[in-house]
């Protein structure tokens, strides 16, 4: 399965929990906000864990059918 990852830049405060979990998928941009650098950089379980690690729920994960997986 391949997830679609969406970062809500209004919610993101650059805490970096997603980077700690999936550094090949996320990085912080010049504004200190998380951005997706490689949506295929980790397996689905790791990407989901990165989204779950965000204390602000700024990352939304959708499955291939467009159904929201998290949050």
N, C-alpha and C. Protein backbone atom coordinates (compact mmCIF):
# COMPACT_ATOMS: atom_id res chain seq x y z
N UNK A 1 0.86 -1.18 0.00
CA UNK A 1 0.00 0.00 0.00
C UNK A 1 0.90 1.23 0.00
N UNK A 2 0.45 2.25 -0.64
CA UNK A 2 1.19 3.50 -0.67
C UNK A 2 0.30 4.60 -0.10
N UNK A 3 0.77 5.22 0.95
CA UNK A 3 -0.02 6.27 1.60
C UNK A 3 0.19 7.62 0.91
N UNK A 4 -0.86 8.45 0.99
CA UNK A 4 -0.73 9.85 0.62
C UNK A 4 -0.56 10.62 1.92
N UNK A 5 0.44 11.45 1.98
CA UNK A 5 0.81 12.17 3.20
C UNK A 5 0.51 13.64 3.00
N UNK A 6 -0.17 14.25 3.96
CA UNK A 6 -0.46 15.67 3.89
C UNK A 6 -0.02 16.32 5.20
N UNK A 7 0.80 17.37 5.09
CA UNK A 7 1.24 18.12 6.27
C UNK A 7 0.44 19.42 6.31
N UNK A 8 -0.24 19.64 7.43
CA UNK A 8 -0.99 20.88 7.64
C UNK A 8 -0.01 21.92 8.19
N UNK A 9 0.42 22.81 7.34
CA UNK A 9 1.43 23.80 7.72
C UNK A 9 0.92 24.78 8.77
N UNK A 10 -0.38 24.92 8.89
CA UNK A 10 -0.93 25.80 9.93
C UNK A 10 -0.80 25.17 11.30
N UNK A 11 -0.84 23.83 11.36
CA UNK A 11 -0.71 23.14 12.64
C UNK A 11 0.74 22.87 13.02
N UNK A 12 1.58 22.63 12.02
CA UNK A 12 2.96 22.25 12.27
C UNK A 12 3.72 23.38 12.97
N UNK A 13 4.43 23.01 14.04
CA UNK A 13 5.26 23.98 14.76
C UNK A 13 6.73 23.58 14.74
N UNK A 14 7.08 22.64 13.88
CA UNK A 14 8.47 22.27 13.71
C UNK A 14 9.07 21.49 14.86
N UNK A 15 8.26 20.77 15.58
CA UNK A 15 8.74 19.97 16.71
C UNK A 15 9.72 18.90 16.23
N UNK A 16 9.46 18.32 15.08
CA UNK A 16 10.39 17.38 14.47
C UNK A 16 10.22 15.93 14.83
N UNK A 17 9.14 15.58 15.50
CA UNK A 17 8.92 14.17 15.85
C UNK A 17 8.83 13.31 14.60
N UNK A 18 8.26 13.85 13.53
CA UNK A 18 8.16 13.09 12.28
C UNK A 18 9.54 12.81 11.70
N UNK A 19 10.44 13.78 11.80
CA UNK A 19 11.80 13.60 11.30
C UNK A 19 12.54 12.54 12.08
N UNK A 20 12.32 12.52 13.37
CA UNK A 20 12.98 11.51 14.20
C UNK A 20 12.54 10.10 13.85
N UNK A 21 11.31 9.96 13.39
CA UNK A 21 10.77 8.64 13.05
C UNK A 21 11.02 8.28 11.59
N UNK A 22 10.88 9.23 10.71
CA UNK A 22 11.03 8.96 9.26
C UNK A 22 11.87 10.05 8.60
N UNK A 23 13.18 10.08 8.89
CA UNK A 23 14.04 11.15 8.36
C UNK A 23 14.20 11.12 6.84
N UNK A 24 13.91 10.00 6.20
CA UNK A 24 14.02 9.94 4.75
C UNK A 24 12.74 10.39 4.06
N UNK A 25 11.71 10.72 4.85
CA UNK A 25 10.43 11.17 4.31
C UNK A 25 10.22 12.66 4.57
N UNK A 26 10.59 13.12 5.76
CA UNK A 26 10.32 14.49 6.19
C UNK A 26 11.61 15.26 6.47
N UNK A 27 11.52 16.58 6.30
CA UNK A 27 12.56 17.49 6.78
C UNK A 27 11.89 18.81 7.12
N UNK A 28 12.61 19.68 7.80
CA UNK A 28 12.09 21.00 8.11
C UNK A 28 12.58 21.97 7.04
N UNK A 29 11.66 22.81 6.57
CA UNK A 29 12.03 23.79 5.55
C UNK A 29 12.58 25.05 6.19
N UNK A 30 12.78 26.08 5.40
CA UNK A 30 13.37 27.33 5.90
C UNK A 30 12.48 28.05 6.91
N UNK A 31 11.20 27.70 6.94
CA UNK A 31 10.27 28.28 7.92
C UNK A 31 10.17 27.43 9.17
N UNK A 32 10.91 26.32 9.22
CA UNK A 32 10.86 25.43 10.37
C UNK A 32 9.63 24.54 10.39
N UNK A 33 9.02 24.35 9.23
CA UNK A 33 7.83 23.51 9.11
C UNK A 33 8.20 22.21 8.40
N UNK A 34 7.52 21.12 8.76
CA UNK A 34 7.77 19.83 8.13
C UNK A 34 7.29 19.85 6.69
N UNK A 35 8.11 19.29 5.82
CA UNK A 35 7.75 19.09 4.42
C UNK A 35 8.11 17.65 4.05
N UNK A 36 7.43 17.16 3.03
CA UNK A 36 7.67 15.80 2.56
C UNK A 36 8.74 15.88 1.48
N UNK A 37 9.86 15.19 1.71
CA UNK A 37 10.94 15.19 0.73
C UNK A 37 10.93 13.94 -0.13
N UNK A 38 10.36 12.86 0.41
CA UNK A 38 10.30 11.60 -0.34
C UNK A 38 9.17 10.75 0.24
N UNK A 39 7.98 10.79 -0.36
CA UNK A 39 6.85 10.04 0.20
C UNK A 39 7.07 8.52 0.19
N UNK A 40 8.04 8.05 -0.56
CA UNK A 40 8.36 6.62 -0.61
C UNK A 40 9.64 6.30 0.15
N UNK A 41 10.09 7.23 1.01
CA UNK A 41 11.36 7.07 1.70
C UNK A 41 11.36 6.07 2.84
N UNK A 42 10.21 5.63 3.27
CA UNK A 42 10.09 4.62 4.33
C UNK A 42 8.87 3.76 4.05
N UNK A 43 8.79 2.66 4.77
CA UNK A 43 7.62 1.79 4.61
C UNK A 43 6.40 2.43 5.26
N UNK A 44 5.24 1.91 4.91
CA UNK A 44 3.98 2.49 5.39
C UNK A 44 3.88 2.51 6.91
N UNK A 45 4.35 1.47 7.58
CA UNK A 45 4.27 1.44 9.05
C UNK A 45 5.09 2.57 9.66
N UNK A 46 6.26 2.84 9.10
CA UNK A 46 7.11 3.92 9.61
C UNK A 46 6.48 5.27 9.36
N UNK A 47 5.90 5.45 8.18
CA UNK A 47 5.23 6.72 7.86
C UNK A 47 4.05 6.95 8.79
N UNK A 48 3.28 5.91 9.04
CA UNK A 48 2.16 6.03 9.97
C UNK A 48 2.66 6.35 11.37
N UNK A 49 3.74 5.72 11.80
CA UNK A 49 4.32 6.00 13.12
C UNK A 49 4.80 7.44 13.22
N UNK A 50 5.34 7.97 12.13
CA UNK A 50 5.78 9.37 12.11
C UNK A 50 4.59 10.31 12.28
N UNK A 51 3.50 10.02 11.60
CA UNK A 51 2.29 10.85 11.75
C UNK A 51 1.76 10.77 13.17
N UNK A 52 1.75 9.57 13.72
CA UNK A 52 1.26 9.38 15.09
C UNK A 52 2.17 10.05 16.11
N UNK A 53 3.45 10.23 15.78
CA UNK A 53 4.39 10.86 16.70
C UNK A 53 4.18 12.37 16.83
N UNK A 54 3.52 12.96 15.84
CA UNK A 54 3.30 14.40 15.88
C UNK A 54 2.29 14.75 16.97
N UNK A 55 2.72 15.51 17.99
CA UNK A 55 1.80 15.84 19.08
C UNK A 55 0.67 16.79 18.67
N UNK A 56 0.81 17.42 17.52
CA UNK A 56 -0.20 18.38 17.06
C UNK A 56 -1.11 17.80 15.99
N UNK A 57 -0.90 16.52 15.65
CA UNK A 57 -1.67 15.87 14.59
C UNK A 57 -1.68 16.71 13.31
N UNK A 58 -0.49 17.19 12.94
CA UNK A 58 -0.35 18.03 11.75
C UNK A 58 -0.18 17.20 10.48
N UNK A 59 -0.05 15.88 10.63
CA UNK A 59 0.16 15.01 9.48
C UNK A 59 -1.05 14.10 9.32
N UNK A 60 -1.65 14.15 8.14
CA UNK A 60 -2.79 13.29 7.83
C UNK A 60 -2.33 12.25 6.82
N UNK A 61 -2.76 11.02 7.04
CA UNK A 61 -2.41 9.91 6.17
C UNK A 61 -3.67 9.36 5.53
N UNK A 62 -3.61 9.18 4.21
CA UNK A 62 -4.72 8.61 3.43
C UNK A 62 -4.25 7.34 2.75
N UNK A 63 -5.15 6.37 2.60
CA UNK A 63 -4.80 5.15 1.88
C UNK A 63 -5.00 5.36 0.38
N UNK A 64 -4.77 4.31 -0.40
CA UNK A 64 -4.85 4.41 -1.86
C UNK A 64 -6.24 4.74 -2.37
N UNK A 65 -7.27 4.44 -1.58
CA UNK A 65 -8.64 4.74 -1.97
C UNK A 65 -9.07 6.14 -1.51
N UNK A 66 -8.18 6.87 -0.86
CA UNK A 66 -8.50 8.22 -0.39
C UNK A 66 -9.13 8.26 0.98
N UNK A 67 -9.21 7.11 1.65
CA UNK A 67 -9.77 7.06 3.00
C UNK A 67 -8.73 7.53 4.00
N UNK A 68 -9.15 8.36 4.94
CA UNK A 68 -8.22 8.84 5.96
C UNK A 68 -7.89 7.71 6.92
N UNK A 69 -6.60 7.50 7.12
CA UNK A 69 -6.10 6.49 8.04
C UNK A 69 -5.79 7.10 9.40
N UNK A 70 -5.19 8.31 9.39
CA UNK A 70 -4.81 9.01 10.63
C UNK A 70 -4.85 10.49 10.37
N UNK A 71 -5.20 11.34 11.29
CA UNK A 71 -5.84 11.02 12.58
C UNK A 71 -7.31 10.74 12.38
